[in-house]
């Protein structure tokens, strides 16, 4: 018999993905507003996703 975890990591994965998309959405809005360089939010999102 295999031991079953008492909790699943899926909710944390879902929260992380939603936060990442939120960062990129906010970065896109800032860049669309006229920033000359990539937003720091985009760089943070890139660092978190390994891009």
N, C-alpha and C. Protein backbone atom coordinates (compact mmCIF):
# COMPACT_ATOMS: atom_id res chain seq x y z
N UNK A 1 0.77 -1.16 0.00
CA UNK A 1 0.00 0.00 0.00
C UNK A 1 0.84 1.26 0.00
N UNK A 2 0.39 2.11 -0.83
CA UNK A 2 1.02 3.43 -0.95
C UNK A 2 0.35 4.41 0.01
N UNK A 3 1.16 5.22 0.67
CA UNK A 3 0.64 6.25 1.56
C UNK A 3 0.07 7.41 0.74
N UNK A 4 -1.10 7.87 1.11
CA UNK A 4 -1.74 8.99 0.43
C UNK A 4 -1.50 10.25 1.26
N UNK A 5 -1.14 11.33 0.56
CA UNK A 5 -0.94 12.61 1.27
C UNK A 5 -2.25 13.10 1.86
N UNK A 6 -2.14 13.83 2.94
CA UNK A 6 -3.34 14.43 3.54
C UNK A 6 -3.76 15.69 2.80
N UNK A 7 -2.89 16.24 1.99
CA UNK A 7 -3.20 17.45 1.22
C UNK A 7 -2.57 17.32 -0.14
N UNK A 8 -3.08 18.07 -1.07
CA UNK A 8 -2.55 18.09 -2.43
C UNK A 8 -1.93 19.45 -2.70
N UNK A 9 -0.82 19.51 -3.43
CA UNK A 9 -0.18 20.79 -3.73
C UNK A 9 -0.91 21.58 -4.82
N UNK A 10 -1.93 21.01 -5.42
CA UNK A 10 -2.62 21.67 -6.54
C UNK A 10 -3.10 23.09 -6.23
N UNK A 11 -3.70 23.36 -5.06
CA UNK A 11 -4.13 24.74 -4.79
C UNK A 11 -2.97 25.74 -4.84
N UNK A 12 -1.80 25.34 -4.39
CA UNK A 12 -0.64 26.24 -4.43
C UNK A 12 -0.18 26.46 -5.86
N UNK A 13 -0.23 25.42 -6.66
CA UNK A 13 0.13 25.55 -8.07
C UNK A 13 -0.84 26.50 -8.77
N UNK A 14 -2.13 26.36 -8.49
CA UNK A 14 -3.15 27.22 -9.08
C UNK A 14 -2.91 28.67 -8.67
N UNK A 15 -2.64 28.90 -7.39
CA UNK A 15 -2.37 30.27 -6.93
C UNK A 15 -1.13 30.85 -7.60
N UNK A 16 -0.09 30.04 -7.76
CA UNK A 16 1.13 30.51 -8.41
C UNK A 16 0.89 30.89 -9.86
N UNK A 17 0.14 30.08 -10.58
CA UNK A 17 -0.15 30.38 -11.98
C UNK A 17 -0.98 31.64 -12.09
N UNK A 18 -1.99 31.78 -11.24
CA UNK A 18 -2.83 32.98 -11.27
C UNK A 18 -2.01 34.24 -10.95
N UNK A 19 -1.10 34.13 -9.98
CA UNK A 19 -0.25 35.27 -9.63
C UNK A 19 0.67 35.63 -10.79
N UNK A 20 1.22 34.62 -11.47
CA UNK A 20 2.11 34.87 -12.61
C UNK A 20 1.35 35.60 -13.72
N UNK A 21 0.15 35.12 -14.06
CA UNK A 21 -0.63 35.78 -15.10
C UNK A 21 -1.01 37.19 -14.68
N UNK A 22 -1.30 37.39 -13.41
CA UNK A 22 -1.61 38.73 -12.92
C UNK A 22 -0.42 39.67 -13.06
N UNK A 23 0.78 39.17 -12.77
CA UNK A 23 1.99 39.98 -12.94
C UNK A 23 2.17 40.40 -14.39
N UNK A 24 2.03 39.44 -15.30
CA UNK A 24 2.20 39.75 -16.72
C UNK A 24 1.11 40.71 -17.21
N UNK A 25 -0.12 40.54 -16.73
CA UNK A 25 -1.20 41.45 -17.13
C UNK A 25 -0.90 42.87 -16.67
N UNK A 26 -0.46 43.02 -15.42
CA UNK A 26 -0.12 44.34 -14.89
C UNK A 26 1.06 44.93 -15.65
N UNK A 27 2.04 44.11 -15.98
CA UNK A 27 3.20 44.59 -16.74
C UNK A 27 2.78 45.06 -18.12
N UNK A 28 1.89 44.31 -18.78
CA UNK A 28 1.40 44.72 -20.10
C UNK A 28 0.67 46.05 -20.03
N UNK A 29 -0.15 46.24 -19.00
CA UNK A 29 -0.86 47.52 -18.86
C UNK A 29 0.12 48.67 -18.70
N UNK A 30 1.15 48.47 -17.89
CA UNK A 30 2.14 49.54 -17.67
C UNK A 30 2.90 49.83 -18.95
N UNK A 31 3.27 48.78 -19.69
CA UNK A 31 4.01 48.99 -20.94
C UNK A 31 3.12 49.65 -21.99
N UNK A 32 1.83 49.28 -22.03
CA UNK A 32 0.90 49.91 -22.97
C UNK A 32 0.68 51.38 -22.64
N UNK A 33 0.89 51.75 -21.39
CA UNK A 33 0.71 53.13 -20.97
C UNK A 33 1.88 54.01 -21.39
N UNK A 34 2.93 53.41 -21.97
CA UNK A 34 3.99 54.23 -22.51
C UNK A 34 5.36 54.07 -21.88
N UNK A 35 5.60 53.00 -21.15
CA UNK A 35 6.94 52.79 -20.61
C UNK A 35 7.92 52.53 -21.75
N UNK A 36 9.08 53.13 -21.66
CA UNK A 36 10.08 52.97 -22.71
C UNK A 36 10.82 51.64 -22.59
N UNK A 37 10.88 51.09 -21.39
CA UNK A 37 11.61 49.83 -21.18
C UNK A 37 10.66 48.79 -20.61
N UNK A 38 11.04 47.53 -20.63
CA UNK A 38 10.17 46.50 -20.06
C UNK A 38 9.91 46.76 -18.57
N UNK A 39 8.71 46.48 -18.16
CA UNK A 39 8.32 46.69 -16.78
C UNK A 39 9.10 45.78 -15.84
N UNK A 40 9.36 46.27 -14.63
CA UNK A 40 10.01 45.43 -13.62
C UNK A 40 9.12 44.24 -13.27
N UNK A 41 7.81 44.45 -13.37
CA UNK A 41 6.90 43.35 -13.09
C UNK A 41 7.11 42.21 -14.08
N UNK A 42 7.35 42.55 -15.35
CA UNK A 42 7.61 41.53 -16.36
C UNK A 42 8.92 40.81 -16.06
N UNK A 43 9.92 41.55 -15.64
CA UNK A 43 11.19 40.91 -15.29
C UNK A 43 11.04 39.99 -14.09
N UNK A 44 10.23 40.40 -13.12
CA UNK A 44 9.97 39.55 -11.97
C UNK A 44 9.24 38.28 -12.41
N UNK A 45 8.24 38.44 -13.26
CA UNK A 45 7.53 37.27 -13.79
C UNK A 45 8.45 36.35 -14.55
N UNK A 46 9.35 36.92 -15.35
CA UNK A 46 10.31 36.10 -16.10
C UNK A 46 11.23 35.33 -15.15
N UNK A 47 11.66 35.99 -14.08
CA UNK A 47 12.54 35.32 -13.13
C UNK A 47 11.82 34.16 -12.43
N UNK A 48 10.55 34.38 -12.10
CA UNK A 48 9.78 33.34 -11.42
C UNK A 48 9.49 32.15 -12.32
N UNK A 49 9.32 32.42 -13.62
CA UNK A 49 8.98 31.33 -14.55
C UNK A 49 10.20 30.73 -15.21
N UNK A 50 11.37 31.29 -14.97
CA UNK A 50 12.59 30.74 -15.55
C UNK A 50 12.81 31.14 -16.99
N UNK A 51 12.22 32.22 -17.42
CA UNK A 51 12.37 32.68 -18.81
C UNK A 51 13.56 33.57 -18.94
